[in-house]
Amino acid sequence: MGCPLKGGGGLYSRVRLGAVLLAAGEGRRMNGIAKAAIQMQGVPLINRALFGLSGAGVDEVVVVLGHQADLLEPMVKDFPVTIVRNSNYTSGQMSSVQLGLENLTGTFDAVLICLADQPLLNTQDLTALIGAFKKRSTGSIVMPRVHGQRGNPIIFDWNVRNEILAGQKNLGCRNYIEKNPELVSPFETDNDHYVVDLDTPEDVDKLQKRLGLILNMPEALHPVTSL
């Protein structure tokens, strides 16, 4: 007797996915470098992120730019994405999240919030996270957790998107998720791709040693100094 499948193609029905790719940050700990423009094997990290999202079957992507937007926009303008500029990017990441969510034109089952400075994240990693969202038994938010460390991207259902825009949820608050554990279904994994990002020059040096290759750094056109 055959196994009954939903939709004729798998155990779980297809999820319509939107994504917000955050690339607006000031790179303060990187002396103002646009981290999304760092090249690994000749490919900017922002492009690598878009290739991963495309391979994972995401239906719509909004790219949020801010700091050094003039440098980054030509790198993504030929992709089938919506590009928005956050004029208020210095106020923090949550303003970029909200702007990205506002500019999704479709209605989706779930939304991914992705960072453009995760060099190791690939299509397989995103597919695994989406699979964990489909299989969750509780909660409306799924986030990767690697040996107790919170990772990215996160994925949440459309109702969470609406609540964020209505001001009822603030995922940018450091302790928000810890204070509301009922919202979250953690995706436990030992895959450190979800927790490797490039925040400092030391992070870049460490990754170069790990991979045995050189990462090409863009100029810090408007260096940011720490206060």
Protein backbone atom coordinates (compact mmCIF):
# COMPACT_ATOMS: atom_id res chain seq x y z
CA MET A 1 0.00 0.00 0.00
CA GLY A 2 1.43 3.36 -1.01
CA CYS A 3 2.02 6.17 1.42
CA PRO A 4 -0.60 8.91 1.02
CA LEU A 5 1.04 12.21 0.16
CA LYS A 6 -0.38 15.69 0.46
CA GLY A 7 -0.38 17.65 -2.78
CA GLY A 8 1.07 14.74 -4.67
CA GLY A 9 4.66 15.75 -3.94
CA GLY A 10 5.55 15.25 -0.30
CA LEU A 11 4.41 14.82 3.29
CA TYR A 12 3.92 18.55 3.73
CA SER A 13 2.13 20.99 1.48
CA ARG A 14 4.19 23.71 -0.16
CA VAL A 15 4.66 26.87 1.88
CA ARG A 16 4.50 30.23 0.11
CA LEU A 17 7.54 32.12 1.31
CA GLY A 18 8.52 35.76 1.45
CA ALA A 19 11.94 36.91 2.61
CA VAL A 20 13.52 40.11 3.87
CA LEU A 21 17.29 40.36 3.32
CA LEU A 22 18.87 42.88 5.67
CA ALA A 23 21.88 44.75 4.26
CA ALA A 24 21.48 48.21 5.77
CA GLY A 25 23.82 48.02 8.75
CA GLU A 26 26.58 50.54 9.46
CA GLY A 27 29.28 47.96 10.10
CA ARG A 28 30.49 49.92 13.11
CA ARG A 29 32.81 47.16 14.34
CA MET A 30 34.15 46.81 10.79
CA ASN A 31 35.14 50.49 10.48
CA GLY A 32 32.14 51.30 8.30
CA ILE A 33 32.69 48.59 5.69
CA ALA A 34 29.56 47.42 3.90
CA LYS A 35 29.76 43.82 5.07
CA ALA A 36 27.33 42.62 2.41
CA ALA A 37 29.86 43.72 -0.24
CA ILE A 38 32.66 41.51 1.09
CA GLN A 39 33.61 39.08 -1.66
CA MET A 40 34.18 35.38 -1.10
CA GLN A 41 35.64 33.63 -4.14
CA GLY A 42 34.78 36.73 -6.16
CA VAL A 43 31.08 36.78 -5.20
CA PRO A 44 29.69 39.48 -2.86
CA LEU A 45 28.00 38.08 0.24
CA ILE A 46 24.74 39.82 -0.68
CA ASN A 47 24.68 37.91 -3.97
CA ARG A 48 25.46 34.63 -2.21
CA ALA A 49 22.49 35.25 0.06
CA LEU A 50 20.19 35.82 -2.92
CA PHE A 51 21.41 32.66 -4.66
CA GLY A 52 20.63 30.69 -1.50
CA LEU A 53 17.13 32.12 -1.20
CA SER A 54 16.40 31.42 -4.85
CA GLY A 55 17.56 27.83 -4.52
CA ALA A 56 15.39 27.33 -1.45
CA GLY A 57 12.26 28.26 -3.42
CA VAL A 58 11.48 31.63 -1.85
CA ASP A 59 8.73 33.35 -3.80
CA GLU A 60 9.53 37.02 -3.14
CA VAL A 61 12.52 38.85 -1.67
CA VAL A 62 12.79 42.40 -0.38
CA VAL A 63 16.37 43.67 0.01
CA VAL A 64 16.75 46.47 2.54
CA LEU A 65 19.70 48.80 2.01
CA GLY A 66 20.94 51.73 4.07
CA HIS A 67 24.61 52.34 4.78
CA GLN A 68 26.55 52.44 1.49
CA ALA A 69 23.40 51.73 -0.49
CA ASP A 70 24.97 53.24 -3.62
CA LEU A 71 27.68 50.57 -3.46
CA LEU A 72 25.33 47.65 -2.84
CA GLU A 73 22.40 48.42 -5.12
CA PRO A 74 24.27 47.78 -8.42
CA MET A 75 25.19 44.33 -7.09
CA VAL A 76 21.54 43.27 -6.79
CA LYS A 77 19.65 45.40 -9.31
CA ASP A 78 19.55 42.60 -11.89
CA PHE A 79 17.99 40.12 -9.47
CA PRO A 80 14.18 39.77 -9.45
CA VAL A 81 13.88 41.42 -6.04
CA THR A 82 12.37 44.55 -4.53
CA ILE A 83 15.05 46.97 -3.35
CA VAL A 84 14.19 49.51 -0.67
CA ARG A 85 16.37 52.05 1.10
CA ASN A 86 15.98 52.63 4.80
CA SER A 87 16.67 56.32 5.41
CA ASN A 88 16.39 55.59 9.14
CA TYR A 89 18.88 52.70 9.24
CA THR A 90 20.95 54.28 12.03
CA SER A 91 18.02 53.72 14.40
CA GLY A 92 18.63 49.97 14.43
CA GLN A 93 17.88 46.71 12.68
CA MET A 94 14.19 46.58 13.61
CA SER A 95 13.46 49.60 11.40
CA SER A 96 14.84 47.64 8.43
CA VAL A 97 12.81 44.56 9.37
CA GLN A 98 9.62 46.62 9.46
CA LEU A 99 10.40 48.34 6.15
CA GLY A 100 11.10 45.01 4.49
CA LEU A 101 7.88 43.47 5.77
CA GLU A 102 5.88 46.49 4.61
CA ASN A 103 7.24 46.09 1.08
CA LEU A 104 6.34 42.44 0.56
CA THR A 105 3.66 42.65 -2.12
CA GLY A 106 2.15 39.20 -1.70
CA THR A 107 0.46 37.33 1.13
CA PHE A 108 2.58 34.44 2.34
CA ASP A 109 2.42 31.51 4.70
CA ALA A 110 5.78 32.40 6.21
CA VAL A 111 8.54 35.00 6.10
CA LEU A 112 12.29 34.57 6.45
CA ILE A 113 14.35 37.37 7.98
CA CYS A 114 17.89 36.96 6.67
CA LEU A 115 21.21 38.71 7.26
CA ALA A 116 23.50 39.50 4.35
CA ASP A 117 26.72 38.82 6.27
CA GLN A 118 26.40 35.06 6.86
CA PRO A 119 29.03 33.73 4.44
CA LEU A 120 28.52 29.99 4.99
CA LEU A 121 24.73 29.88 4.78
CA ASN A 122 23.54 28.07 1.65
CA THR A 123 20.44 26.67 -0.02
CA GLN A 124 20.61 23.42 1.94
CA ASP A 125 20.72 25.29 5.24
CA LEU A 126 17.71 27.41 4.29
CA THR A 127 15.81 24.35 3.09
CA ALA A 128 16.47 22.61 6.41
CA LEU A 129 15.16 25.62 8.33
CA ILE A 130 12.04 25.81 6.16
CA GLY A 131 11.52 22.09 6.73
CA ALA A 132 11.71 22.65 10.50
CA PHE A 133 9.06 25.35 10.19
CA LYS A 134 6.75 22.98 8.31
CA LYS A 135 7.25 20.23 10.88
CA ARG A 136 6.93 22.35 14.02
CA SER A 137 4.26 21.25 16.48
CA THR A 138 4.06 24.51 18.46
CA GLY A 139 4.92 28.16 18.13
CA SER A 140 4.80 30.63 15.26
CA ILE A 141 8.53 31.39 15.05
CA VAL A 142 11.33 28.95 14.21
CA MET A 143 14.95 29.86 14.82
CA PRO A 144 18.08 27.76 14.56
CA ARG A 145 19.92 27.04 17.78
CA VAL A 146 23.46 25.66 17.70
CA HIS A 147 24.71 24.25 21.01
CA GLY A 148 22.55 26.76 22.87
CA GLN A 149 23.48 29.73 20.68
CA ARG A 150 20.72 31.53 18.79
CA GLY A 151 21.28 31.72 15.05
CA ASN A 152 19.85 33.23 11.88
CA PRO A 153 17.78 33.41 9.74
CA ILE A 154 14.51 33.16 11.60
CA ILE A 155 11.22 32.21 9.98
CA PHE A 156 7.73 33.05 11.21
CA ASP A 157 4.15 32.80 10.07
CA TRP A 158 2.22 35.62 8.39
CA ASN A 159 0.33 36.53 11.57
CA VAL A 160 3.63 37.42 13.24
CA ARG A 161 4.41 39.72 10.32
CA ASN A 162 1.11 41.51 10.84
CA GLU A 163 1.70 41.82 14.57
CA ILE A 164 5.18 43.27 14.05
CA LEU A 165 3.80 45.92 11.71
CA ALA A 166 1.01 46.69 14.18
CA GLY A 167 3.59 47.23 16.91
CA GLN A 168 2.50 44.21 18.91
CA LYS A 169 5.76 42.29 18.55
CA ASN A 170 9.33 43.54 18.63
CA LEU A 171 11.69 40.76 17.58
CA GLY A 172 14.51 43.29 17.63
CA CYS A 173 14.34 43.46 21.41
CA ARG A 174 17.18 41.32 22.75
CA ASN A 175 15.07 39.63 25.41
CA TYR A 176 11.73 39.50 23.60
CA ILE A 177 11.98 35.89 22.47
CA GLU A 178 13.41 34.74 25.80
CA LYS A 179 10.44 36.34 27.55
CA ASN A 180 7.94 34.73 25.17
CA PRO A 181 9.16 31.13 24.76
CA GLU A 182 5.70 29.94 23.78
CA LEU A 183 6.16 31.73 20.45
CA VAL A 184 9.27 29.82 19.48
CA SER A 185 9.98 26.36 18.18
CA PRO A 186 13.79 26.03 18.18
CA PHE A 187 15.49 24.18 15.35
CA GLU A 188 18.25 22.35 17.21
CA THR A 189 21.28 21.66 15.01
CA ASP A 190 25.05 21.33 15.17
CA ASN A 191 25.44 23.15 11.84
CA ASP A 192 27.39 26.31 12.65
CA HIS A 193 26.51 27.96 9.32
CA TYR A 194 23.61 29.54 11.19
CA VAL A 195 25.84 31.30 13.72
CA VAL A 196 28.85 32.36 11.62
CA ASP A 197 28.70 36.00 10.59
CA LEU A 198 31.20 38.77 9.95
CA ASP A 199 30.99 41.54 12.52
CA THR A 200 34.67 42.36 13.04
CA PRO A 201 38.01 42.11 11.18
CA GLU A 202 38.85 39.24 13.53
CA ASP A 203 35.80 37.34 12.24
CA VAL A 204 37.11 37.78 8.69
CA ASP A 205 40.60 36.55 9.64
CA LYS A 206 39.15 33.53 11.40
CA LEU A 207 37.00 32.60 8.40
CA GLN A 208 39.89 33.02 5.97
CA LYS A 209 41.97 30.61 8.02
CA ARG A 210 39.08 28.15 8.23
CA LEU A 211 38.39 28.17 4.49
CA GLY A 212 41.95 28.63 3.28
CA LEU A 213 41.06 31.52 1.00
CA ILE A 214 41.15 35.32 0.90
CA LEU A 215 38.04 37.42 1.38
CA ASN A 216 38.18 40.66 -0.56
CA MET A 217 37.11 43.67 1.46
CA PRO A 218 35.45 46.78 0.01
CA GLU A 219 36.59 50.24 0.99
CA ALA A 220 35.08 51.89 4.02
CA LEU A 221 33.76 54.83 2.00
CA HIS A 222 32.28 56.54 5.05
CA PRO A 223 34.08 55.10 8.06
CA VAL A 224 32.03 54.90 11.25
CA THR A 225 33.83 55.53 14.49
CA SER A 226 32.74 54.10 17.81
CA LEU A 227 31.43 56.55 20.36
